[in-house]
Amino acid sequence: MFAATLLAIAAAATPHVPAVQAHRGGSFVDGRATYAEATMPAFRAAAKRGDVLELDIQMTADGVPMVMHDDTLDRTTVCTGPVSARSAADIRAACPTDVLGSPGSALGSKPTSRRASVPTLAEVLALVKRTGARASIELKQLDPSGVSADALAAAIRTAGVPLDRIVVQSFFPPNLQAISRALPGVATATLTLKAGEGTSIATARSSGSRWVSPQWPVSASYVREAHAAGLKVVPFTLDRASEVRAAATAGVDALITDDPVMAARVLKRLR
């Protein structure tokens, strides 16, 4: 009885070990800008480590979903202007990335002469299919018409990726409703900024999401409330070891980070 009690206490004191999602592929390795964000070198490294591939899509002028966080090309490529103003072939040929890391993030970035093409969603899904990786894909722009959701659904079907390896995330409930219509059974995640945290669990439930993705930091009580509502919790974006430890202690199910190598090392020590 005494031994069983000690084991129960030890188990309760051990932080939960969440899954790691490589934000935009994970452009940092132990704090060093190593990959251009949201490019195939970053995604290949993340898949090899066993991370969830976190990515965003933007639609081109010819209706092709490209993997790009911003709606413009300015921040991470040699080009400027909206993604939606160019064809996919034009972006692939003329707009390579020119910076490692994530310009504008707390971890910084650095220019590079090593160019990488902006990938199409089809390229990343082919990697997911080939490696058995999982992906969390964000519909970035509010699109109640469902055009981008339909394109995402078609790409997933064409790639032949099982739905249990995909989560679709968005800040906009209409986008989640559109993907649920276009791809019945796919898991969705409701993203929320800190200002919307108070209503985020209710919003996620009303959107039919399985996940809620709040801006860090979040409390253990928030995680408990989400779990009680049947939701899993994946906060963004945790780039410091102290944040990763705190998230594990709070009981989150997964975490999104620009530095998945650092996060995995921190979490390994908690096992």
Protein backbone atom coordinates (compact mmCIF):
# COMPACT_ATOMS: atom_id res chain seq x y z
CA MET A 1 0.00 0.00 0.00
CA PHE A 2 2.78 2.41 0.96
CA ALA A 3 4.70 1.66 -2.25
CA ALA A 4 1.58 2.16 -4.35
CA THR A 5 0.96 5.51 -2.67
CA LEU A 6 4.51 6.63 -3.41
CA LEU A 7 4.12 5.63 -7.07
CA ALA A 8 0.87 7.56 -7.33
CA ILE A 9 2.48 10.66 -5.83
CA ALA A 10 5.46 10.39 -8.19
CA ALA A 11 3.19 9.98 -11.20
CA ALA A 12 1.16 13.02 -10.22
CA ALA A 13 4.32 15.10 -9.82
CA THR A 14 5.73 14.11 -13.21
CA PRO A 15 4.84 16.65 -15.90
CA HIS A 16 2.96 15.39 -18.92
CA VAL A 17 5.20 15.08 -22.00
CA PRO A 18 3.43 16.82 -24.90
CA ALA A 19 4.00 16.25 -28.60
CA VAL A 20 6.20 18.74 -30.46
CA GLN A 21 4.91 20.66 -33.47
CA ALA A 22 7.63 22.23 -35.62
CA HIS A 23 6.31 25.75 -36.27
CA ARG A 24 6.68 26.52 -40.00
CA GLY A 25 8.90 23.46 -40.13
CA GLY A 26 11.09 24.52 -37.21
CA SER A 27 13.68 26.98 -38.48
CA PHE A 28 15.91 26.99 -35.38
CA VAL A 29 18.18 24.36 -33.86
CA ASP A 30 19.14 25.06 -30.26
CA GLY A 31 18.57 28.78 -30.76
CA ARG A 32 20.51 29.01 -34.04
CA ALA A 33 18.79 30.07 -37.26
CA THR A 34 19.39 26.95 -39.36
CA TYR A 35 16.62 26.61 -41.95
CA ALA A 36 14.53 29.01 -43.97
CA GLU A 37 11.07 28.85 -42.43
CA ALA A 38 8.39 26.84 -44.22
CA THR A 39 10.79 25.24 -46.73
CA MET A 40 11.43 21.63 -47.65
CA PRO A 41 14.82 21.42 -45.83
CA ALA A 42 13.05 22.42 -42.60
CA PHE A 43 10.14 20.04 -43.15
CA ARG A 44 12.42 17.14 -44.05
CA ALA A 45 14.43 17.64 -40.86
CA ALA A 46 11.24 17.85 -38.79
CA ALA A 47 9.83 14.68 -40.34
CA LYS A 48 13.09 12.84 -39.68
CA ARG A 49 12.92 13.83 -35.99
CA GLY A 50 9.30 12.71 -35.72
CA ASP A 51 7.87 16.21 -35.16
CA VAL A 52 4.42 17.24 -36.30
CA LEU A 53 4.84 19.51 -39.33
CA GLU A 54 3.09 22.81 -38.64
CA LEU A 55 2.47 24.95 -41.72
CA ASP A 56 0.28 27.60 -43.31
CA ILE A 57 -1.15 27.89 -46.80
CA GLN A 58 -1.75 30.86 -49.07
CA MET A 59 -3.54 30.68 -52.43
CA THR A 60 -1.81 31.79 -55.64
CA ALA A 61 -3.38 33.64 -58.56
CA ASP A 62 -3.92 30.31 -60.32
CA GLY A 63 -5.50 28.62 -57.32
CA VAL A 64 -2.56 26.59 -56.04
CA PRO A 65 -2.05 26.33 -52.26
CA MET A 66 1.52 27.37 -51.42
CA VAL A 67 3.19 26.87 -48.04
CA MET A 68 3.79 30.40 -46.77
CA HIS A 69 2.95 32.08 -43.49
CA ASP A 70 2.44 35.63 -44.75
CA ASP A 71 0.03 36.76 -47.44
CA THR A 72 2.94 38.65 -49.04
CA LEU A 73 6.35 37.47 -50.21
CA ASP A 74 8.28 40.35 -48.64
CA ARG A 75 9.48 38.96 -45.32
CA THR A 76 11.06 35.66 -46.33
CA THR A 77 11.80 35.75 -50.08
CA VAL A 78 13.61 37.89 -52.65
CA CYS A 79 10.24 39.03 -54.04
CA THR A 80 7.62 41.49 -52.83
CA GLY A 81 3.87 41.73 -53.14
CA PRO A 82 0.93 39.41 -52.48
CA VAL A 83 1.15 35.67 -52.96
CA SER A 84 -2.29 35.89 -54.57
CA ALA A 85 -0.94 38.15 -57.34
CA ARG A 86 1.47 35.53 -58.76
CA SER A 87 1.18 32.07 -60.21
CA ALA A 88 2.61 29.08 -58.39
CA ALA A 89 5.17 28.51 -61.15
CA ASP A 90 6.28 32.15 -60.95
CA ILE A 91 6.75 31.98 -57.18
CA ARG A 92 8.63 28.69 -57.47
CA ALA A 93 10.96 30.02 -60.16
CA ALA A 94 11.50 33.64 -59.18
CA CYS A 95 10.93 33.95 -55.44
CA PRO A 96 13.32 31.78 -53.40
CA THR A 97 13.87 32.41 -49.71
CA ASP A 98 16.89 34.52 -48.74
CA VAL A 99 16.93 34.29 -44.95
CA LEU A 100 17.39 31.61 -42.28
CA GLY A 101 15.30 31.57 -39.14
CA SER A 102 12.16 33.61 -38.78
CA PRO A 103 12.39 37.36 -39.42
CA GLY A 104 10.43 39.21 -36.76
CA SER A 105 10.56 36.42 -34.18
CA ALA A 106 12.23 36.67 -30.79
CA LEU A 107 14.89 34.20 -31.96
CA GLY A 108 15.86 36.34 -34.94
CA SER A 109 17.14 35.50 -38.40
CA LYS A 110 20.13 35.89 -40.68
CA PRO A 111 20.57 36.42 -44.41
CA THR A 112 21.81 33.52 -46.49
CA SER A 113 23.00 32.83 -50.01
CA ARG A 114 21.53 29.31 -49.77
CA ARG A 115 18.29 29.62 -51.67
CA ALA A 116 15.24 27.40 -51.14
CA SER A 117 12.06 27.44 -53.20
CA VAL A 118 8.70 28.15 -51.64
CA PRO A 119 7.03 24.72 -51.58
CA THR A 120 3.58 23.85 -52.76
CA LEU A 121 1.24 22.13 -50.34
CA ALA A 122 1.43 19.07 -52.59
CA GLU A 123 5.18 18.82 -51.99
CA VAL A 124 4.80 18.86 -48.22
CA LEU A 125 1.93 16.37 -48.30
CA ALA A 126 4.05 14.05 -50.43
CA LEU A 127 6.68 14.18 -47.68
CA VAL A 128 3.99 13.45 -45.06
CA LYS A 129 2.79 10.47 -47.09
CA ARG A 130 6.31 9.13 -47.70
CA THR A 131 7.59 9.46 -44.13
CA GLY A 132 4.44 8.75 -42.13
CA ALA A 133 4.68 12.19 -40.51
CA ARG A 134 1.73 14.16 -39.18
CA ALA A 135 0.80 17.69 -40.21
CA SER A 136 -1.11 20.59 -38.72
CA ILE A 137 -2.15 22.89 -41.57
CA GLU A 138 -3.47 26.40 -41.05
CA LEU A 139 -5.98 28.09 -43.32
CA LYS A 140 -4.60 31.61 -42.96
CA GLN A 141 -7.08 33.89 -44.69
CA LEU A 142 -10.75 34.24 -43.81
CA ASP A 143 -12.52 32.50 -46.69
CA PRO A 144 -16.22 31.82 -46.02
CA SER A 145 -16.61 30.79 -49.68
CA GLY A 146 -14.55 27.71 -48.93
CA VAL A 147 -12.24 28.01 -51.96
CA SER A 148 -9.06 27.50 -49.93
CA ALA A 149 -10.68 24.74 -47.85
CA ASP A 150 -11.72 22.93 -51.03
CA ALA A 151 -8.18 23.25 -52.42
CA LEU A 152 -6.73 21.89 -49.17
CA ALA A 153 -9.17 18.97 -49.14
CA ALA A 154 -8.38 18.13 -52.76
CA ALA A 155 -4.63 18.20 -52.07
CA ILE A 156 -4.99 15.86 -49.08
CA ARG A 157 -7.10 13.42 -51.09
CA THR A 158 -4.70 13.51 -54.03
CA ALA A 159 -1.71 12.90 -51.77
CA GLY A 160 -3.45 9.95 -50.15
CA VAL A 161 -2.57 11.05 -46.62
CA PRO A 162 -4.80 9.36 -44.00
CA LEU A 163 -7.00 11.85 -42.16
CA ASP A 164 -5.74 10.63 -38.78
CA ARG A 165 -2.40 12.26 -39.65
CA ILE A 166 -3.89 15.67 -40.41
CA VAL A 167 -5.24 18.53 -38.31
CA VAL A 168 -6.56 21.71 -39.94
CA GLN A 169 -6.31 24.86 -37.86
CA SER A 170 -7.61 28.40 -38.21
CA PHE A 171 -8.44 31.53 -36.24
CA PHE A 172 -11.68 31.77 -38.22
CA PRO A 173 -14.60 29.39 -37.44
CA PRO A 174 -16.02 29.75 -40.99
CA ASN A 175 -12.77 28.26 -42.33
CA LEU A 176 -13.10 25.29 -39.98
CA GLN A 177 -16.71 24.79 -40.97
CA ALA A 178 -15.69 24.90 -44.64
CA ILE A 179 -12.98 22.25 -44.24
CA SER A 180 -15.34 20.05 -42.23
CA ARG A 181 -17.78 20.16 -45.15
CA ALA A 182 -15.08 19.58 -47.74
CA LEU A 183 -13.26 16.85 -45.81
CA PRO A 184 -15.68 15.16 -43.37
CA GLY A 185 -13.94 13.57 -40.41
CA VAL A 186 -10.80 15.69 -40.45
CA ALA A 187 -9.75 16.98 -37.03
CA THR A 188 -9.74 20.75 -36.59
CA ALA A 189 -8.10 23.16 -34.15
CA THR A 190 -9.42 26.56 -33.12
CA LEU A 191 -6.60 29.10 -32.83
CA THR A 192 -6.97 32.06 -30.51
CA LEU A 193 -4.97 35.09 -29.48
CA LYS A 194 -4.65 36.04 -25.83
CA ALA A 195 -7.49 38.58 -26.12
CA GLY A 196 -9.91 35.81 -27.09
CA GLU A 197 -8.80 33.21 -24.58
CA GLY A 198 -11.82 33.67 -22.32
CA THR A 199 -14.23 32.44 -25.00
CA SER A 200 -11.85 30.14 -26.89
CA ILE A 201 -13.02 26.86 -25.34
CA ALA A 202 -16.66 27.63 -26.09
CA THR A 203 -15.73 28.75 -29.61
CA ALA A 204 -13.76 25.55 -30.22
CA ARG A 205 -16.64 23.40 -29.05
CA SER A 206 -19.20 25.28 -31.15
CA SER A 207 -16.88 24.94 -34.18
CA GLY A 208 -16.70 21.19 -33.72
CA SER A 209 -12.95 21.29 -33.09
CA ARG A 210 -11.03 18.56 -31.30
CA TRP A 211 -8.23 20.97 -30.42
CA VAL A 212 -7.95 24.47 -29.03
CA SER A 213 -4.72 26.35 -29.75
CA PRO A 214 -4.27 29.36 -27.46
CA GLN A 215 -1.48 31.91 -27.47
CA TRP A 216 1.08 31.16 -24.78
CA PRO A 217 1.09 31.46 -21.80
CA VAL A 218 -1.85 29.39 -20.59
CA SER A 219 -2.58 28.16 -17.08
CA ALA A 220 -3.09 24.65 -15.78
CA SER A 221 -6.68 25.62 -14.94
CA TYR A 222 -7.29 26.55 -18.59
CA VAL A 223 -5.92 23.18 -19.69
CA ARG A 224 -8.15 21.37 -17.18
CA GLU A 225 -11.21 23.30 -18.38
CA ALA A 226 -10.41 22.45 -22.01
CA HIS A 227 -9.90 18.78 -21.18
CA ALA A 228 -13.20 18.73 -19.29
CA ALA A 229 -14.82 20.08 -22.46
CA GLY A 230 -13.32 17.21 -24.46
CA LEU A 231 -10.64 19.32 -26.16
CA LYS A 232 -6.91 18.85 -26.52
CA VAL A 233 -4.64 21.87 -25.98
CA VAL A 234 -1.72 22.99 -28.17
CA PRO A 235 -0.38 26.47 -27.32
CA PHE A 236 1.81 28.63 -29.59
CA THR A 237 4.67 29.67 -29.88
CA LEU A 238 7.06 28.37 -27.18
CA ASP A 239 10.70 29.13 -27.96
CA ARG A 240 12.32 29.07 -24.50
CA ALA A 241 13.17 26.05 -22.36
CA SER A 242 11.32 27.58 -19.41
CA GLU A 243 8.16 27.88 -21.50
CA VAL A 244 8.37 24.26 -22.65
CA ARG A 245 8.78 23.04 -19.06
CA ALA A 246 5.87 25.20 -17.90
CA ALA A 247 3.63 23.91 -20.68
CA ALA A 248 4.43 20.31 -19.79
CA THR A 249 3.68 21.00 -16.13
CA ALA A 250 0.36 22.61 -17.12
CA GLY A 251 -0.60 19.39 -18.92
CA VAL A 252 -0.86 20.56 -22.54
CA ASP A 253 -1.21 17.82 -25.15
CA ALA A 254 1.19 19.35 -27.67
CA LEU A 255 3.13 22.57 -28.15
CA ILE A 256 4.16 24.65 -31.15
CA THR A 257 7.76 25.86 -31.30
CA ASP A 258 10.25 27.39 -33.73
CA ASP A 259 12.98 25.33 -32.02
CA PRO A 260 11.77 21.72 -31.86
CA VAL A 261 15.26 20.36 -31.13
CA MET A 262 15.43 22.44 -27.96
CA ALA A 263 11.89 21.48 -26.99
CA ALA A 264 12.51 17.76 -27.49
CA ARG A 265 15.65 17.92 -25.36
CA VAL A 266 13.80 19.69 -22.54
CA LEU A 267 10.91 17.23 -22.69
CA LYS A 268 13.22 14.21 -22.74
CA ARG A 269 14.51 15.25 -19.32
CA LEU A 270 10.95 15.12 -17.99
CA ARG A 271 10.33 11.51 -18.95
